[in-house]
Amino acid sequence: HYFAALARMEELTMVGAFLKDALVSAHLFFAYGDYAYSHLAASSEAGYKAAAAYAVNDAALRHYLAKGIKALDFGAGAGVSEASKGLAKFKQ
């Protein structure tokens, strides 16, 4: 139900990366006014190995730059305090 509701929202954009026709990384963003905000992101094992999230974020930045968005907020590290772990490491 939650993702069906998200899919109906005009402000939502999904950016994805594919390897051999398989989605390996995706990121959901919301745009409001002059700003865009990260909502959810995930990668498969193949996506992690290929560092596909970096390509997804690059594509998102290019997409929103073309739309005139002033800033894209990728959010914080989800409570992880050690920079050597998970999302915090990725965002360095």
C-alpha atoms as a PDB file:
ATOM      1  CA  HIS A   1       0.000   0.000   0.000  1.00  0.00           C
ATOM      2  CA  TYR A   2       2.789   2.419   0.918  1.00  0.00           C
ATOM      3  CA  PHE A   3       4.684   2.074  -2.359  1.00  0.00           C
ATOM      4  CA  ALA A   4       1.472   2.219  -4.395  1.00  0.00           C
ATOM      5  CA  ALA A   5       0.675   5.526  -2.685  1.00  0.00           C
ATOM      6  CA  LEU A   6       4.192   6.798  -3.425  1.00  0.00           C
ATOM      7  CA  ALA A   7       3.871   5.836  -7.082  1.00  0.00           C
ATOM      8  CA  ARG A   8       0.826   8.078  -7.441  1.00  0.00           C
ATOM      9  CA  MET A   9       2.649  11.164  -6.193  1.00  0.00           C
ATOM     10  CA  GLU A  10       3.640  13.663  -8.885  1.00  0.00           C
ATOM     11  CA  GLU A  11       6.547  14.928  -6.773  1.00  0.00           C
ATOM     12  CA  LEU A  12       8.237  11.511  -6.724  1.00  0.00           C
ATOM     13  CA  THR A  13      11.010  10.549  -9.141  1.00  0.00           C
ATOM     14  CA  MET A  14      12.788   7.214  -9.224  1.00  0.00           C
ATOM     15  CA  VAL A  15      16.268   7.012 -10.728  1.00  0.00           C
ATOM     16  CA  GLY A  16      17.721   3.577 -11.404  1.00  0.00           C
ATOM     17  CA  ALA A  17      20.777   1.791 -12.742  1.00  0.00           C
ATOM     18  CA  PHE A  18      20.636  -1.383 -14.789  1.00  0.00           C
ATOM     19  CA  LEU A  19      23.166  -4.109 -15.572  1.00  0.00           C
ATOM     20  CA  LYS A  20      22.243  -6.583 -18.308  1.00  0.00           C
ATOM     21  CA  ASP A  21      18.575  -5.482 -18.189  1.00  0.00           C
ATOM     22  CA  ALA A  22      18.353  -5.990 -14.393  1.00  0.00           C
ATOM     23  CA  LEU A  23      17.670  -3.109 -12.022  1.00  0.00           C
ATOM     24  CA  VAL A  24      20.619  -3.126  -9.592  1.00  0.00           C
ATOM     25  CA  SER A  25      20.261   0.228  -7.841  1.00  0.00           C
ATOM     26  CA  ALA A  26      17.421   2.691  -7.361  1.00  0.00           C
ATOM     27  CA  HIS A  27      16.793   5.903  -5.469  1.00  0.00           C
ATOM     28  CA  LEU A  28      13.501   7.687  -4.788  1.00  0.00           C
ATOM     29  CA  PHE A  29      13.435  11.474  -4.538  1.00  0.00           C
ATOM     30  CA  PHE A  30      10.759  14.045  -3.782  1.00  0.00           C
ATOM     31  CA  ALA A  31      10.858  17.510  -5.328  1.00  0.00           C
ATOM     32  CA  TYR A  32       9.142  20.426  -3.673  1.00  0.00           C
ATOM     33  CA  GLY A  33       9.613  23.986  -4.839  1.00  0.00           C
ATOM     34  CA  ASP A  34      13.256  24.604  -5.662  1.00  0.00           C
ATOM     35  CA  TYR A  35      14.545  21.597  -3.734  1.00  0.00           C
ATOM     36  CA  ALA A  36      14.684  17.809  -4.030  1.00  0.00           C
ATOM     37  CA  TYR A  37      15.061  15.362  -1.166  1.00  0.00           C
ATOM     38  CA  SER A  38      16.214  11.765  -0.927  1.00  0.00           C
ATOM     39  CA  HIS A  39      13.592   9.361   0.373  1.00  0.00           C
ATOM     40  CA  LEU A  40      14.731   5.754  -0.113  1.00  0.00           C
ATOM     41  CA  ALA A  41      17.614   4.039  -1.864  1.00  0.00           C
ATOM     42  CA  ALA A  42      18.709   0.450  -2.322  1.00  0.00           C
ATOM     43  CA  SER A  43      21.097  -1.662  -4.351  1.00  0.00           C
ATOM     44  CA  SER A  44      21.360  -5.370  -5.013  1.00  0.00           C
ATOM     45  CA  GLU A  45      24.591  -7.263  -4.409  1.00  0.00           C
ATOM     46  CA  ALA A  46      25.465  -6.744  -8.081  1.00  0.00           C
ATOM     47  CA  GLY A  47      24.706  -3.045  -7.685  1.00  0.00           C
ATOM     48  CA  TYR A  48      27.064  -2.773  -4.712  1.00  0.00           C
ATOM     49  CA  LYS A  49      29.821  -4.583  -6.611  1.00  0.00           C
ATOM     50  CA  ALA A  50      29.395  -2.204  -9.564  1.00  0.00           C
ATOM     51  CA  ALA A  51      29.087   0.896  -7.333  1.00  0.00           C
ATOM     52  CA  ALA A  52      25.869   1.613  -9.224  1.00  0.00           C
ATOM     53  CA  ALA A  53      24.535   3.998  -6.563  1.00  0.00           C
ATOM     54  CA  TYR A  54      27.136   6.547  -7.629  1.00  0.00           C
ATOM     55  CA  ALA A  55      25.791   6.448 -11.195  1.00  0.00           C
ATOM     56  CA  VAL A  56      22.241   6.772  -9.859  1.00  0.00           C
ATOM     57  CA  ASN A  57      23.154   9.827  -7.802  1.00  0.00           C
ATOM     58  CA  ASP A  58      24.963  11.387 -10.759  1.00  0.00           C
ATOM     59  CA  ALA A  59      21.898  10.844 -12.944  1.00  0.00           C
ATOM     60  CA  ALA A  60      19.652  12.339 -10.251  1.00  0.00           C
ATOM     61  CA  LEU A  61      21.840  15.427  -9.950  1.00  0.00           C
ATOM     62  CA  ARG A  62      21.806  15.896 -13.725  1.00  0.00           C
ATOM     63  CA  HIS A  63      18.027  15.368 -13.856  1.00  0.00           C
ATOM     64  CA  TYR A  64      17.282  17.926 -11.167  1.00  0.00           C
ATOM     65  CA  LEU A  65      19.858  20.419 -12.477  1.00  0.00           C
ATOM     66  CA  ALA A  66      18.086  20.321 -15.858  1.00  0.00           C
ATOM     67  CA  LYS A  67      14.779  21.002 -14.070  1.00  0.00           C
ATOM     68  CA  GLY A  68      16.241  24.053 -12.303  1.00  0.00           C
ATOM     69  CA  ILE A  69      16.304  22.576  -8.800  1.00  0.00           C
ATOM     70  CA  LYS A  70      18.592  24.642  -6.526  1.00  0.00           C
ATOM     71  CA  ALA A  71      19.670  21.834  -4.199  1.00  0.00           C
ATOM     72  CA  LEU A  72      19.328  18.093  -3.754  1.00  0.00           C
ATOM     73  CA  ASP A  73      19.449  16.856  -0.150  1.00  0.00           C
ATOM     74  CA  PHE A  74      20.770  13.301   0.147  1.00  0.00           C
ATOM     75  CA  GLY A  75      19.980  13.179   3.862  1.00  0.00           C
ATOM     76  CA  ALA A  76      22.000  11.827   6.741  1.00  0.00           C
ATOM     77  CA  GLY A  77      23.589   8.528   7.712  1.00  0.00           C
ATOM     78  CA  ALA A  78      20.535   6.911   9.329  1.00  0.00           C
ATOM     79  CA  GLY A  79      21.961   6.927  12.829  1.00  0.00           C
ATOM     80  CA  VAL A  80      25.274   5.294  11.934  1.00  0.00           C
ATOM     81  CA  SER A  81      27.994   7.167  13.776  1.00  0.00           C
ATOM     82  CA  GLU A  82      31.014   5.317  12.440  1.00  0.00           C
ATOM     83  CA  ALA A  83      32.059   6.591   9.028  1.00  0.00           C
ATOM     84  CA  SER A  84      33.378   3.107   8.199  1.00  0.00           C
ATOM     85  CA  LYS A  85      29.875   1.636   8.055  1.00  0.00           C
ATOM     86  CA  GLY A  86      27.038   1.628   5.545  1.00  0.00           C
ATOM     87  CA  LEU A  87      25.399   4.821   4.398  1.00  0.00           C
ATOM     88  CA  ALA A  88      27.750   7.090   6.310  1.00  0.00           C
ATOM     89  CA  LYS A  89      30.725   5.598   4.439  1.00  0.00           C
ATOM     90  CA  PHE A  90      28.940   5.891   1.081  1.00  0.00           C
ATOM     91  CA  LYS A  91      28.159   9.574   1.656  1.00  0.00           C
ATOM     92  CA  GLN A  92      31.755  10.588   2.408  1.00  0.00           C
END
